[in-house]
Structures are given as structure tokens and as C-alpha cells.
């Protein structure tokens, strides 16, 4: 019997992915591996005066971001290969992330959770979070000025069961329903919307 890889995905910043990932991990009893937390940990070993440039989708990722990506998937592969169920949290945007997830499907049952929230609410949350946590702001710098334009987000689609969760105010569907979805072993299960309606991925 294969372990389960619970993928908590969604656009970067303020979508509630990390909080949800840790809550799911506590509920089912497994580790939560969060890409941004790995990156924040790597910043501790950065040389004095190190400062990442603000992200720019038009340019290749900086060396620290690229190293974080590799370490993230290496850790998942080690845990899943040892038979451990894992909650993995990151943006998981379509064409970049899908091939790495498809490789892991050989050693794990994958369940995809897509976090959704109004982009303006997400930006406000992200600004508050950066103000309260300077280390996070250092690891994930953003350009100063007005709220950034909302970039289109291409959700991953690898043919695995998925569910959308609205994180605007708590979770819709509720955490218990999300955990029940994670525990489902019905291959090809349809995607569930926050309202409870279903559609195929």
C-alpha cells in the first residue's frame, strides 16, 4: 500500500496554504513539508549582507530559490520512499511543478488541494505577514509600492483527485471534510468545489 502525498497548492502569498497544510498534517498525523519554510531556513546560512532580489516572473529563479525547489522535492522523495504519508505545501504552478509531481506518483497516492481566496485579501494578508516577520520578508522580498498586479495562476493538472478550498474565512469545505477527502482512496475522484458541487479535473 502506497503512502499519500497531500499537495496543498495555490498562488503565492496570503492564500492560507501553509496554515492549512500544518492543520491537515496534525489531523492525520504526518509531517508537513513547506517550500517557503525550507527557503526561510536556508536564509539563516546566507552570507552577511545577502539580500534576494524581488521576484520577477520574467526572469529565471535566483540560485537560492532554485536550490530550495530541488531540496523540497528531494525531501518529499526520501519520506515517501520510506513509506511516510506527507503533506507538501507550495504554489505548485502548472508546467514547472507537474513533471516533478508525476514522478512522485510512482511511489505515492496523490491528493491535490487548491487554495482559493480573493487576490486583494491575499495581498493584504501577505503585507501584514511580512511586517510581522522580517525573516520571511528577507526570504520572499516584494517590490515596494502599490499592490502588485495579479498574475494568472495555472493550477496543476496531473489526473489525480483534487478539491478546491476557499480560505477567505476559515475553510470551505471544513477541515473535517478536507481530511476525509485526503483519506479517500477512490482513484479518479471528481474535484469538489467549496460549495460542494463536483466536476472532473
C-alpha atoms as a PDB file:
ATOM      1  CA  UNK A   1       0.000   0.000   0.000  1.00  0.00           C
ATOM      2  CA  UNK A   2       1.413   3.359  -1.033  1.00  0.00           C
ATOM      3  CA  UNK A   3       1.703   6.388   1.273  1.00  0.00           C
ATOM      4  CA  UNK A   4      -0.298   9.504   0.443  1.00  0.00           C
ATOM      5  CA  UNK A   5       1.167  12.768  -0.806  1.00  0.00           C
ATOM      6  CA  UNK A   6      -1.213  15.588   0.093  1.00  0.00           C
ATOM      7  CA  UNK A   7      -0.443  18.544  -2.188  1.00  0.00           C
ATOM      8  CA  UNK A   8      -1.614  21.903  -0.817  1.00  0.00           C
ATOM      9  CA  UNK A   9      -1.370  24.352  -3.704  1.00  0.00           C
ATOM     10  CA  UNK A  10      -2.410  27.823  -4.816  1.00  0.00           C
ATOM     11  CA  UNK A  11      -0.974  31.217  -5.793  1.00  0.00           C
ATOM     12  CA  UNK A  12       1.920  32.606  -3.766  1.00  0.00           C
ATOM     13  CA  UNK A  13       1.323  34.823  -0.749  1.00  0.00           C
ATOM     14  CA  UNK A  14      -1.603  35.089   1.646  1.00  0.00           C
ATOM     15  CA  UNK A  15      -3.707  32.182   0.402  1.00  0.00           C
ATOM     16  CA  UNK A  16      -3.568  30.283   3.698  1.00  0.00           C
ATOM     17  CA  UNK A  17      -1.711  27.297   2.247  1.00  0.00           C
ATOM     18  CA  UNK A  18       0.895  26.898   4.990  1.00  0.00           C
ATOM     19  CA  UNK A  19      -1.623  27.118   7.842  1.00  0.00           C
ATOM     20  CA  UNK A  20      -3.910  24.609   6.142  1.00  0.00           C
ATOM     21  CA  UNK A  21      -1.000  22.249   5.427  1.00  0.00           C
ATOM     22  CA  UNK A  22       0.008  22.149   9.086  1.00  0.00           C
ATOM     23  CA  UNK A  23      -3.593  21.659  10.224  1.00  0.00           C
ATOM     24  CA  UNK A  24      -4.057  18.720   7.851  1.00  0.00           C
ATOM     25  CA  UNK A  25      -0.739  17.212   8.980  1.00  0.00           C
ATOM     26  CA  UNK A  26      -1.770  17.450  12.644  1.00  0.00           C
ATOM     27  CA  UNK A  27      -5.172  15.944  11.872  1.00  0.00           C
ATOM     28  CA  UNK A  28      -3.852  12.893  10.027  1.00  0.00           C
ATOM     29  CA  UNK A  29      -0.555  12.515  11.903  1.00  0.00           C
ATOM     30  CA  UNK A  30       2.249  13.129   9.409  1.00  0.00           C
ATOM     31  CA  UNK A  31       4.932  15.713   8.568  1.00  0.00           C
ATOM     32  CA  UNK A  32       4.166  18.912   6.658  1.00  0.00           C
ATOM     33  CA  UNK A  33       6.921  19.977   4.254  1.00  0.00           C
ATOM     34  CA  UNK A  34       6.546  23.605   3.172  1.00  0.00           C
ATOM     35  CA  UNK A  35       8.707  25.042   0.429  1.00  0.00           C
ATOM     36  CA  UNK A  36       8.782  28.581   1.866  1.00  0.00           C
ATOM     37  CA  UNK A  37       9.797  27.295   5.305  1.00  0.00           C
ATOM     38  CA  UNK A  38      12.744  25.476   3.714  1.00  0.00           C
ATOM     39  CA  UNK A  39      13.751  28.684   1.960  1.00  0.00           C
ATOM     40  CA  UNK A  40      13.461  30.700   5.192  1.00  0.00           C
ATOM     41  CA  UNK A  41      15.699  28.133   6.883  1.00  0.00           C
ATOM     42  CA  UNK A  42      18.304  28.484   4.151  1.00  0.00           C
ATOM     43  CA  UNK A  43      18.398  32.256   4.621  1.00  0.00           C
ATOM     44  CA  UNK A  44      19.961  31.685   8.077  1.00  0.00           C
ATOM     45  CA  UNK A  45      23.112  30.328   6.404  1.00  0.00           C
ATOM     46  CA  UNK A  46      23.299  33.101   3.808  1.00  0.00           C
ATOM     47  CA  UNK A  47      26.403  35.331   3.960  1.00  0.00           C
ATOM     48  CA  UNK A  48      26.241  38.735   5.742  1.00  0.00           C
ATOM     49  CA  UNK A  49      24.535  41.350   3.644  1.00  0.00           C
ATOM     50  CA  UNK A  50      22.800  38.736   1.489  1.00  0.00           C
ATOM     51  CA  UNK A  51      19.567  40.023   0.008  1.00  0.00           C
ATOM     52  CA  UNK A  52      17.384  38.344  -2.560  1.00  0.00           C
ATOM     53  CA  UNK A  53      16.033  40.487  -5.365  1.00  0.00           C
ATOM     54  CA  UNK A  54      12.231  40.788  -5.563  1.00  0.00           C
ATOM     55  CA  UNK A  55      10.654  38.022  -7.579  1.00  0.00           C
ATOM     56  CA  UNK A  56      10.139  38.596 -11.280  1.00  0.00           C
ATOM     57  CA  UNK A  57       8.242  36.026 -13.330  1.00  0.00           C
ATOM     58  CA  UNK A  58      10.046  37.177 -16.473  1.00  0.00           C
ATOM     59  CA  UNK A  59      13.454  36.048 -15.167  1.00  0.00           C
ATOM     60  CA  UNK A  60      14.871  32.662 -14.141  1.00  0.00           C
ATOM     61  CA  UNK A  61      14.747  31.958 -10.380  1.00  0.00           C
ATOM     62  CA  UNK A  62      17.709  33.090  -8.294  1.00  0.00           C
ATOM     63  CA  UNK A  63      20.145  30.388  -7.048  1.00  0.00           C
ATOM     64  CA  UNK A  64      18.607  30.151  -3.556  1.00  0.00           C
ATOM     65  CA  UNK A  65      15.096  29.756  -4.934  1.00  0.00           C
ATOM     66  CA  UNK A  66      16.257  27.079  -7.376  1.00  0.00           C
ATOM     67  CA  UNK A  67      18.122  25.214  -4.626  1.00  0.00           C
ATOM     68  CA  UNK A  68      15.009  25.360  -2.441  1.00  0.00           C
ATOM     69  CA  UNK A  69      12.979  23.777  -5.245  1.00  0.00           C
ATOM     70  CA  UNK A  70      15.414  20.875  -5.530  1.00  0.00           C
ATOM     71  CA  UNK A  71      15.676  20.322  -1.753  1.00  0.00           C
ATOM     72  CA  UNK A  72      11.879  20.412  -1.410  1.00  0.00           C
ATOM     73  CA  UNK A  73      11.386  17.565  -3.870  1.00  0.00           C
ATOM     74  CA  UNK A  74      14.390  15.632  -2.530  1.00  0.00           C
ATOM     75  CA  UNK A  75      12.866  15.675   0.974  1.00  0.00           C
ATOM     76  CA  UNK A  76       9.485  14.537  -0.360  1.00  0.00           C
ATOM     77  CA  UNK A  77      11.093  11.686  -2.287  1.00  0.00           C
ATOM     78  CA  UNK A  78      13.015  10.469   0.786  1.00  0.00           C
ATOM     79  CA  UNK A  79       9.946  10.498   3.046  1.00  0.00           C
ATOM     80  CA  UNK A  80       7.574   8.941   0.525  1.00  0.00           C
ATOM     81  CA  UNK A  81      10.178   6.367  -0.444  1.00  0.00           C
ATOM     82  CA  UNK A  82      10.357   5.367   3.228  1.00  0.00           C
ATOM     83  CA  UNK A  83       6.580   4.860   3.252  1.00  0.00           C
ATOM     84  CA  UNK A  84       5.645   8.064   5.104  1.00  0.00           C
ATOM     85  CA  UNK A  85       2.497   9.969   4.209  1.00  0.00           C
ATOM     86  CA  UNK A  86       3.381  13.648   3.728  1.00  0.00           C
ATOM     87  CA  UNK A  87       1.620  16.992   3.339  1.00  0.00           C
ATOM     88  CA  UNK A  88       3.523  19.139   0.811  1.00  0.00           C
ATOM     89  CA  UNK A  89       2.788  22.864   0.536  1.00  0.00           C
ATOM     90  CA  UNK A  90       3.915  25.212  -2.232  1.00  0.00           C
ATOM     91  CA  UNK A  91       2.447  27.122  -5.171  1.00  0.00           C
ATOM     92  CA  UNK A  92       2.700  24.049  -7.472  1.00  0.00           C
ATOM     93  CA  UNK A  93       2.086  26.086 -10.604  1.00  0.00           C
ATOM     94  CA  UNK A  94       1.336  24.009 -13.696  1.00  0.00           C
ATOM     95  CA  UNK A  95       4.157  23.344 -16.169  1.00  0.00           C
ATOM     96  CA  UNK A  96       7.112  23.799 -13.785  1.00  0.00           C
ATOM     97  CA  UNK A  97       5.851  21.632 -10.942  1.00  0.00           C
ATOM     98  CA  UNK A  98       3.730  18.986 -12.679  1.00  0.00           C
ATOM     99  CA  UNK A  99       6.595  16.831 -14.042  1.00  0.00           C
ATOM    100  CA  UNK A 100       8.166  16.515 -10.579  1.00  0.00           C
ATOM    101  CA  UNK A 101       4.819  15.519  -9.063  1.00  0.00           C
ATOM    102  CA  UNK A 102       4.192  12.987 -11.807  1.00  0.00           C
ATOM    103  CA  UNK A 103       7.465  11.250 -10.883  1.00  0.00           C
ATOM    104  CA  UNK A 104       6.323  11.008  -7.267  1.00  0.00           C
ATOM    105  CA  UNK A 105       3.060   9.378  -8.368  1.00  0.00           C
ATOM    106  CA  UNK A 106       5.051   6.158  -8.801  1.00  0.00           C
ATOM    107  CA  UNK A 107       5.649   5.974  -5.039  1.00  0.00           C
ATOM    108  CA  UNK A 108       2.574   7.720  -3.585  1.00  0.00           C
ATOM    109  CA  UNK A 109      -1.153   8.238  -3.882  1.00  0.00           C
ATOM    110  CA  UNK A 110      -1.541  11.960  -4.647  1.00  0.00           C
ATOM    111  CA  UNK A 111      -4.393  14.180  -3.458  1.00  0.00           C
ATOM    112  CA  UNK A 112      -4.397  17.828  -4.612  1.00  0.00           C
ATOM    113  CA  UNK A 113      -5.890  20.636  -2.530  1.00  0.00           C
ATOM    114  CA  UNK A 114      -6.213  24.015  -4.268  1.00  0.00           C
ATOM    115  CA  UNK A 115      -6.493  27.048  -2.008  1.00  0.00           C
ATOM    116  CA  UNK A 116      -8.532  29.952  -3.365  1.00  0.00           C
ATOM    117  CA  UNK A 117      -9.226  33.425  -1.982  1.00  0.00           C
ATOM    118  CA  UNK A 118      -9.826  36.924  -3.362  1.00  0.00           C
ATOM    119  CA  UNK A 119      -6.425  38.234  -4.596  1.00  0.00           C
ATOM    120  CA  UNK A 120      -6.839  41.571  -2.795  1.00  0.00           C
ATOM    121  CA  UNK A 121      -7.392  39.762   0.516  1.00  0.00           C
ATOM    122  CA  UNK A 122      -4.335  37.616  -0.207  1.00  0.00           C
ATOM    123  CA  UNK A 123      -2.173  40.692  -0.865  1.00  0.00           C
ATOM    124  CA  UNK A 124      -3.320  42.379   2.346  1.00  0.00           C
ATOM    125  CA  UNK A 125      -2.516  39.235   4.341  1.00  0.00           C
ATOM    126  CA  UNK A 126       0.888  38.993   2.733  1.00  0.00           C
ATOM    127  CA  UNK A 127       1.791  42.585   3.607  1.00  0.00           C
ATOM    128  CA  UNK A 128       0.764  42.066   7.250  1.00  0.00           C
ATOM    129  CA  UNK A 129       2.760  38.843   7.420  1.00  0.00           C
ATOM    130  CA  UNK A 130       5.888  40.490   6.009  1.00  0.00           C
ATOM    131  CA  UNK A 131       5.614  43.343   8.540  1.00  0.00           C
ATOM    132  CA  UNK A 132       5.385  40.882  11.443  1.00  0.00           C
ATOM    133  CA  UNK A 133       8.144  38.552  10.244  1.00  0.00           C
ATOM    134  CA  UNK A 134      11.288  40.296   8.880  1.00  0.00           C
ATOM    135  CA  UNK A 135      12.965  36.921   8.225  1.00  0.00           C
ATOM    136  CA  UNK A 136      10.112  35.948   5.941  1.00  0.00           C
ATOM    137  CA  UNK A 137      10.327  39.295   4.171  1.00  0.00           C
ATOM    138  CA  UNK A 138      14.042  38.676   3.593  1.00  0.00           C
ATOM    139  CA  UNK A 139      13.416  35.247   2.093  1.00  0.00           C
ATOM    140  CA  UNK A 140      10.465  36.410  -0.030  1.00  0.00           C
ATOM    141  CA  UNK A 141      11.097  40.064  -0.941  1.00  0.00           C
ATOM    142  CA  UNK A 142       8.499  42.022  -2.847  1.00  0.00           C
ATOM    143  CA  UNK A 143       8.778  45.215  -4.783  1.00  0.00           C
ATOM    144  CA  UNK A 144       7.739  48.344  -2.842  1.00  0.00           C
ATOM    145  CA  UNK A 145       4.742  50.368  -3.921  1.00  0.00           C
ATOM    146  CA  UNK A 146       1.068  49.586  -4.560  1.00  0.00           C
ATOM    147  CA  UNK A 147      -0.355  46.099  -4.557  1.00  0.00           C
ATOM    148  CA  UNK A 148       1.165  44.069  -7.384  1.00  0.00           C
ATOM    149  CA  UNK A 149      -0.842  43.092 -10.407  1.00  0.00           C
ATOM    150  CA  UNK A 150      -2.467  39.697 -10.067  1.00  0.00           C
ATOM    151  CA  UNK A 151      -0.723  37.187 -12.314  1.00  0.00           C
ATOM    152  CA  UNK A 152      -2.800  34.371 -13.805  1.00  0.00           C
ATOM    153  CA  UNK A 153      -2.256  31.150 -11.900  1.00  0.00           C
ATOM    154  CA  UNK A 154      -2.118  27.892 -13.809  1.00  0.00           C
ATOM    155  CA  UNK A 155      -3.190  25.122 -11.443  1.00  0.00           C
ATOM    156  CA  UNK A 156      -1.529  21.749 -11.812  1.00  0.00           C
ATOM    157  CA  UNK A 157      -3.498  19.070 -13.590  1.00  0.00           C
ATOM    158  CA  UNK A 158      -1.987  15.588 -13.422  1.00  0.00           C
ATOM    159  CA  UNK A 159      -5.149  13.493 -13.359  1.00  0.00           C
ATOM    160  CA  UNK A 160      -5.256  12.978  -9.590  1.00  0.00           C
ATOM    161  CA  UNK A 161      -8.239  13.584  -7.268  1.00  0.00           C
ATOM    162  CA  UNK A 162      -8.450  17.257  -6.281  1.00  0.00           C
ATOM    163  CA  UNK A 163     -10.532  19.611  -4.173  1.00  0.00           C
ATOM    164  CA  UNK A 164     -10.791  23.419  -4.047  1.00  0.00           C
ATOM    165  CA  UNK A 165     -10.805  25.066  -0.607  1.00  0.00           C
ATOM    166  CA  UNK A 166     -11.864  28.681  -0.051  1.00  0.00           C
ATOM    167  CA  UNK A 167      -9.615  30.107   2.689  1.00  0.00           C
ATOM    168  CA  UNK A 168     -11.215  33.564   2.903  1.00  0.00           C
ATOM    169  CA  UNK A 169     -12.693  32.948   6.359  1.00  0.00           C
ATOM    170  CA  UNK A 170     -11.776  29.570   7.789  1.00  0.00           C
ATOM    171  CA  UNK A 171     -12.155  26.717   5.304  1.00  0.00           C
ATOM    172  CA  UNK A 172     -14.950  25.860   2.906  1.00  0.00           C
ATOM    173  CA  UNK A 173     -15.377  22.923   2.875  1.00  0.00           C
ATOM    174  CA  UNK A 174     -14.493  22.468   6.547  1.00  0.00           C
ATOM    175  CA  UNK A 175     -11.280  20.852   7.768  1.00  0.00           C
ATOM    176  CA  UNK A 176     -13.041  17.572   8.630  1.00  0.00           C
ATOM    177  CA  UNK A 177     -14.287  17.276   5.040  1.00  0.00           C
ATOM    178  CA  UNK A 178     -10.818  18.072   3.681  1.00  0.00           C
ATOM    179  CA  UNK A 179      -9.286  15.369   5.882  1.00  0.00           C
ATOM    180  CA  UNK A 180     -11.963  12.919   4.701  1.00  0.00           C
ATOM    181  CA  UNK A 181     -11.050  13.740   1.087  1.00  0.00           C
ATOM    182  CA  UNK A 182      -7.367  13.124   1.860  1.00  0.00           C
ATOM    183  CA  UNK A 183      -8.234   9.702   3.259  1.00  0.00           C
ATOM    184  CA  UNK A 184     -10.279   8.715   0.221  1.00  0.00           C
ATOM    185  CA  UNK A 185      -8.633   6.003  -1.896  1.00  0.00           C
ATOM    186  CA  UNK A 186     -11.092   6.261  -4.786  1.00  0.00           C
ATOM    187  CA  UNK A 187      -8.933   6.752  -7.856  1.00  0.00           C
ATOM    188  CA  UNK A 188     -10.239   9.343 -10.271  1.00  0.00           C
ATOM    189  CA  UNK A 189     -12.472  11.028  -7.697  1.00  0.00           C
ATOM    190  CA  UNK A 190     -14.006  14.265  -9.056  1.00  0.00           C
ATOM    191  CA  UNK A 191     -12.957  17.703  -7.900  1.00  0.00           C
ATOM    192  CA  UNK A 192     -15.156  19.189  -5.185  1.00  0.00           C
ATOM    193  CA  UNK A 193     -15.852  22.914  -5.188  1.00  0.00           C
ATOM    194  CA  UNK A 194     -16.232  24.965  -1.956  1.00  0.00           C
ATOM    195  CA  UNK A 195     -19.995  24.832  -2.408  1.00  0.00           C
ATOM    196  CA  UNK A 196     -19.938  21.061  -2.553  1.00  0.00           C
ATOM    197  CA  UNK A 197     -20.583  20.753  -6.289  1.00  0.00           C
ATOM    198  CA  UNK A 198     -18.310  18.377  -8.177  1.00  0.00           C
ATOM    199  CA  UNK A 199     -16.557  18.482 -11.515  1.00  0.00           C
ATOM    200  CA  UNK A 200     -13.883  16.362 -13.151  1.00  0.00           C
ATOM    201  CA  UNK A 201     -10.322  17.665 -13.192  1.00  0.00           C
END
